[in-house]
Protein backbone atom coordinates (compact mmCIF):
# COMPACT_ATOMS: atom_id res chain seq x y z
CA MET A 1 0.00 0.00 0.00
CA ASP A 2 1.30 3.49 -0.86
CA GLN A 3 1.97 5.69 2.12
CA ALA A 4 -1.07 7.86 2.83
CA TRP A 5 0.12 9.81 5.86
CA GLY A 6 3.12 10.69 7.98
CA ALA A 7 3.87 12.40 11.30
CA ALA A 8 6.81 13.89 13.20
CA THR A 9 7.30 15.82 16.43
CA HIS A 10 10.17 17.48 18.32
CA SER A 11 10.41 19.30 21.64
CA GLY A 12 12.45 22.08 20.00
CA ARG A 13 15.63 23.72 21.20
CA LYS A 14 14.22 25.72 24.12
CA ARG A 15 11.66 23.42 25.78
CA LYS A 16 12.54 20.42 27.95
CA ILE A 17 9.03 18.97 27.71
CA ASN A 18 7.05 18.25 24.56
CA GLU A 19 3.46 19.30 25.34
CA ASP A 20 2.27 18.43 21.82
CA SER A 21 0.40 15.20 21.08
CA TYR A 22 -0.79 13.78 17.79
CA LEU A 23 -3.00 11.10 16.29
CA ALA A 24 -2.16 9.68 12.86
CA SER A 25 -4.42 6.76 12.03
CA SER A 26 -7.13 6.59 9.37
CA PRO A 27 -9.77 7.94 9.25
CA VAL A 28 -8.93 10.70 11.78
CA PHE A 29 -5.78 12.78 12.28
CA VAL A 30 -5.16 15.29 15.06
CA VAL A 31 -2.50 17.66 16.38
CA ALA A 32 -2.98 18.96 19.93
CA ASP A 33 -0.74 21.65 21.45
CA GLY A 34 -0.98 21.60 25.24
CA MET A 35 -0.97 24.73 27.39
CA GLY A 36 -0.15 25.13 31.05
CA GLY A 37 3.23 23.49 31.48
CA HIS A 38 4.39 19.97 32.32
CA GLU A 39 1.69 17.71 33.79
CA ARG A 40 -0.94 20.19 32.60
CA GLY A 41 -0.40 21.02 28.95
CA ASP A 42 1.02 17.64 28.00
CA LEU A 43 -1.74 15.89 29.96
CA ALA A 44 -4.47 17.98 28.35
CA SER A 45 -3.19 17.25 24.84
CA ALA A 46 -2.87 13.55 25.70
CA ILE A 47 -6.47 13.45 26.92
CA ALA A 48 -7.66 15.01 23.66
CA VAL A 49 -5.70 12.56 21.50
CA ASN A 50 -6.92 9.64 23.63
CA GLU A 51 -10.54 10.68 23.03
CA PHE A 52 -10.17 11.20 19.27
CA SER A 53 -8.34 7.89 18.91
CA LYS A 54 -11.63 6.14 19.72
CA LEU A 55 -12.88 7.21 16.29
CA CYS A 56 -10.38 4.89 14.59
CA GLN A 57 -12.98 2.12 14.85
CA TYR A 58 -14.95 3.84 12.05
CA SER A 59 -14.38 4.03 8.32
CA VAL A 60 -15.87 7.48 7.83
CA ILE A 61 -16.50 10.28 10.32
CA SER A 62 -19.39 12.72 10.81
CA PRO A 63 -19.38 16.14 12.50
CA GLU A 64 -21.56 14.61 15.24
CA LEU A 65 -18.80 12.15 16.11
CA ILE A 66 -16.25 14.97 16.27
CA ASP A 67 -18.60 17.04 18.45
CA GLY A 68 -18.91 14.12 20.86
CA CYS A 69 -15.13 13.85 21.15
CA PHE A 70 -14.78 17.54 21.96
CA THR A 71 -17.50 17.30 24.61
CA ARG A 72 -16.04 14.22 26.31
CA ALA A 73 -12.45 15.50 26.12
CA SER A 74 -13.57 18.80 27.65
CA GLY A 75 -15.22 16.97 30.53
CA ALA A 76 -12.17 14.77 31.08
CA ILE A 77 -9.81 17.75 31.13
CA LYS A 78 -12.01 19.53 33.66
CA ASN A 79 -12.14 16.40 35.83
CA VAL A 80 -8.39 15.76 35.74
CA LEU A 81 -6.94 19.28 35.78
CA THR A 82 -8.73 20.43 38.91
CA ASN A 83 -6.02 22.77 40.26
CA GLY A 84 -5.74 25.85 38.08
CA VAL A 85 -6.02 26.35 34.34
CA GLY A 86 -4.70 24.05 31.66
CA GLY A 87 -5.78 23.08 28.20
CA THR A 88 -4.91 22.30 24.62
CA THR A 89 -5.54 23.37 21.07
CA VAL A 90 -6.97 20.73 18.74
CA CYS A 91 -6.67 20.79 14.96
CA GLY A 92 -7.65 17.79 12.88
CA VAL A 93 -8.95 16.29 9.70
CA ALA A 94 -11.15 13.25 9.18
CA LEU A 95 -12.45 11.35 6.18
CA ALA A 96 -16.16 12.06 5.66
CA LEU A 97 -18.78 11.27 3.04
CA GLN A 98 -21.30 13.69 1.58
CA ASP A 99 -23.77 12.40 -1.02
CA GLY A 100 -21.48 9.39 -1.40
CA ALA A 101 -18.43 11.50 -2.27
CA PRO A 102 -15.29 11.69 -0.08
CA TYR A 103 -14.69 14.94 1.81
CA TRP A 104 -12.08 16.36 4.14
CA LEU A 105 -13.77 17.19 7.46
CA VAL A 106 -11.41 19.75 9.00
CA PHE A 107 -11.94 20.87 12.60
CA ASN A 108 -10.10 23.34 14.81
CA ILE A 109 -10.07 25.07 18.17
CA GLY A 110 -7.12 27.29 19.09
CA ASP A 111 -4.15 28.33 16.95
CA SER A 112 -2.80 25.07 15.64
CA ARG A 113 -3.36 25.03 11.88
CA ALA A 114 -4.58 23.02 8.91
CA TYR A 115 -3.21 23.69 5.42
CA ARG A 116 -4.23 22.16 2.09
CA LEU A 117 -1.75 21.54 -0.72
CA ASN A 118 -2.84 20.42 -4.17
CA THR A 119 0.17 18.99 -5.96
CA VAL A 120 -1.62 19.03 -9.33
CA ARG A 121 -2.40 22.75 -9.25
CA GLY A 122 0.63 23.67 -7.14
CA THR A 123 -1.48 25.65 -4.67
CA MET A 124 -1.36 25.82 -0.88
CA THR A 125 -4.03 27.43 1.30
CA GLN A 126 -4.59 27.76 5.02
CA VAL A 127 -7.91 26.06 5.81
CA SER A 128 -8.28 26.78 9.52
CA VAL A 129 -8.62 30.23 11.08
CA ASP A 130 -6.64 30.94 14.26
CA HIS A 131 -8.64 31.59 17.40
CA SER A 132 -6.33 34.33 18.61
CA VAL A 133 -6.34 38.00 19.54
CA VAL A 134 -4.13 38.88 16.58
CA GLN A 135 -6.45 37.07 14.15
CA GLU A 136 -9.33 39.16 15.48
CA LEU A 137 -7.22 42.26 14.80
CA VAL A 138 -6.60 41.02 11.25
CA ASP A 139 -10.33 40.44 10.75
CA ALA A 140 -10.99 43.98 12.01
CA GLY A 141 -8.46 45.42 9.55
CA VAL A 142 -6.17 46.67 12.31
CA VAL A 143 -3.27 44.30 11.62
CA ASP A 144 -1.90 43.26 8.22
CA PRO A 145 -1.94 39.46 7.66
CA GLY A 146 1.77 39.55 6.95
CA GLU A 147 2.44 40.76 10.50
CA VAL A 148 0.69 37.86 12.24
CA SER A 149 3.70 35.59 12.76
CA HIS A 150 5.67 38.41 14.44
CA HIS A 151 2.91 40.16 16.39
CA LYS A 152 3.31 40.37 20.18
CA ASP A 153 -0.18 38.91 20.73
CA ARG A 154 0.34 35.98 18.35
CA HIS A 155 0.06 33.43 21.18
CA VAL A 156 -2.90 34.95 23.03
CA ILE A 157 -5.64 32.55 22.00
CA THR A 158 -9.36 33.15 22.36
CA ARG A 159 -10.63 29.55 22.25
CA ALA A 160 -9.20 26.25 23.48
CA LEU A 161 -10.16 22.90 24.92
CA GLU A 162 -9.60 23.77 28.59
CA THR A 163 -10.86 23.85 32.16
CA VAL A 164 -12.90 27.06 32.18
CA THR A 165 -15.07 27.25 29.05
CA ASP A 166 -16.96 24.77 26.89
CA PRO A 167 -15.40 23.98 23.50
CA GLU A 168 -16.44 25.96 20.40
CA PRO A 169 -14.66 24.33 17.46
CA ASP A 170 -14.93 25.39 13.82
CA TYR A 171 -15.63 22.93 10.99
CA TRP A 172 -14.99 22.86 7.22
CA MET A 173 -16.22 20.29 4.67
CA ILE A 174 -13.98 20.22 1.58
CA PRO A 175 -14.34 17.86 -1.42
CA ILE A 176 -11.25 15.65 -1.74
CA GLU A 177 -9.51 16.14 -5.10
CA GLY A 178 -6.70 14.25 -6.77
CA GLY A 179 -3.34 15.60 -5.64
CA ASP A 180 -4.73 16.83 -2.30
CA GLN A 181 -2.73 16.76 0.91
CA ILE A 182 -3.67 18.17 4.31
CA LEU A 183 -1.05 19.36 6.80
CA LEU A 184 -1.83 19.75 10.51
CA CYS A 185 0.70 21.55 12.70
CA SER A 186 1.25 23.09 16.08
CA ASP A 187 2.33 26.74 16.10
CA GLY A 188 5.94 25.67 16.53
CA LEU A 189 6.00 25.19 12.75
CA CYS A 190 4.36 28.40 11.51
CA ASP A 191 6.18 30.50 14.11
CA GLU A 192 9.51 29.50 12.57
CA LEU A 193 8.65 29.13 8.89
CA GLU A 194 6.79 31.43 6.51
CA ASP A 195 3.96 29.92 4.48
CA SER A 196 6.14 30.13 1.37
CA GLU A 197 8.82 28.05 3.08
CA ILE A 198 6.27 25.49 4.27
CA LYS A 199 4.95 25.15 0.73
CA GLU A 200 8.42 24.78 -0.78
CA ILE A 201 9.52 22.05 1.65
CA TRP A 202 6.17 20.26 1.53
CA SER A 203 5.95 20.28 -2.27
CA ALA A 204 9.47 18.89 -2.63
CA ALA A 205 8.87 15.89 -0.36
CA SER A 206 8.36 12.50 -1.99
CA THR A 207 5.98 11.11 0.67
CA PRO A 208 3.84 12.45 3.53
CA GLN A 209 6.35 11.06 6.04
CA ALA A 210 9.24 12.75 4.25
CA ALA A 211 7.27 16.01 4.31
CA ALA A 212 6.55 15.75 8.04
CA ASP A 213 10.19 14.94 8.84
CA ALA A 214 11.56 17.74 6.67
CA LEU A 215 9.19 20.40 8.00
CA VAL A 216 9.88 19.57 11.65
CA ALA A 217 13.63 19.54 11.00
CA ALA A 218 13.44 22.92 9.25
CA ALA A 219 11.46 24.47 12.12
CA VAL A 220 13.98 23.23 14.67
CA GLU A 221 16.88 24.46 12.52
CA ALA A 222 15.21 27.87 12.14
CA GLY A 223 15.12 28.38 15.90
CA GLY A 224 13.00 25.68 17.50
CA ARG A 225 11.65 28.04 20.14
CA ASP A 226 8.61 25.84 20.79
CA ASN A 227 7.50 22.24 20.44
CA VAL A 228 6.75 21.45 16.80
CA THR A 229 4.48 18.72 15.47
CA VAL A 230 3.38 17.98 11.90
CA VAL A 231 0.92 15.44 10.48
CA VAL A 232 0.53 15.16 6.70
CA VAL A 233 -2.35 13.26 5.08
CA SER A 234 -2.68 12.62 1.34
CA ALA A 235 -5.78 11.91 -0.75
CA GLN A 236 -4.59 8.29 -0.88
CA VAL A 237 -6.25 7.91 2.52
CA VAL A 238 -9.52 7.59 0.58
CA GLY A 239 -8.29 4.32 -0.94
CA VAL A 240 -7.18 3.06 2.45
CA ALA A 241 -10.59 3.72 3.96
CA ALA A 242 -12.60 2.52 0.95
CA SER A 243 -11.52 -1.06 1.50
CA HIS A 244 -13.15 -0.95 4.94
CA ILE A 245 -16.32 1.01 4.27
CA GLN A 246 -19.39 -1.17 4.61
CA ASP A 247 -22.05 1.50 5.00
CA LYS A 248 -21.84 4.25 2.36
CA THR A 249 -24.46 6.31 4.23
CA GLY A 250 -21.99 7.24 6.96
CA THR A 251 -24.33 6.05 9.71
CA VAL A 252 -23.29 7.32 13.15
CA THR A 253 -22.80 4.75 15.88
CA THR A 254 -22.69 5.82 19.52
CA VAL A 255 -19.25 5.95 21.13
CA ASP A 256 -18.86 4.94 24.77
CA GLU A 257 -19.62 8.09 26.81
CA GLU A 258 -18.87 6.80 30.31
CA PRO A 259 -16.86 9.24 32.49
CA MET A 260 -13.13 8.71 32.68
CA ASN A 261 -12.45 6.50 35.70
CA ALA A 262 -9.71 6.99 38.28
CA GLU A 263 -7.57 4.21 36.83
CA LEU A 264 -7.56 5.82 33.38
CA GLN A 265 -6.85 9.23 34.89
CA ASP A 266 -3.82 7.80 36.67
CA SER A 267 -2.68 6.02 33.51
CA LEU A 268 -2.91 9.24 31.48
CA ALA A 269 -1.04 11.19 34.13
CA HIS A 270 1.90 8.81 34.19
CA THR A 271 2.19 6.57 31.15
CA THR A 272 0.08 7.97 28.31
CA PRO A 273 1.47 7.17 24.83
CA ARG A 274 0.79 10.68 23.51
CA HIS A 275 1.70 9.94 19.91
CA VAL A 276 -0.74 7.52 18.31
CA ARG A 277 0.37 6.31 14.92
CA ASP A 278 -1.05 3.57 12.72
């Protein structure tokens, strides 16, 4: 089988702890950038990835399934991180069906990002919109988009999966086209590399894994001031999933919604495998 996705992560040059977590397993892919320091940010991102990993039992994903993951992950974070504030961004993409056709279901809360590259047309676009103070200033016409990566309020986010508020993710449904790839990244990538650099490195890579490795290495080389995580998914994921799809209607089946028990909480706090990869 041709490689349909790849993933890489690095703690960077300045941070001792990697608070990022990722999920790379069809039909759902996630990057989560934890906030709040060791045993808070890394735990929050691990909880999110653990919840979304339950969707790997399906062949196709619906927005309702994603909503359920956000709700349960929010509850788990609030239950576990009881002393103070902690949380995580979540940016992901899942394989969905609409009228029988394959779609990218992109979802985001926070300032991790999703980009789309079409290798046939040679175009790259940012799909997600940052939930940040500086993005609100851009939307209001106060700040030029070119100033975002260097603005002093770049890291002041307005939405997250955390202990105080309920999650308010954004969603996009995009038809999957030949030559499509989706890149998910924590802000450790786009803080160090301009979009033009991301496109150049990504376009030159021979496989999704080569792209993920090269982009993370370039971000670390450029400064590595933060943790950096990249997941790249190609349109070939459609072929991977198609061999497993039994119900073309995309019927939603209920996921276990029982509260996280004390044993699982303890396991997450001490031994969570934060990087889930198929």
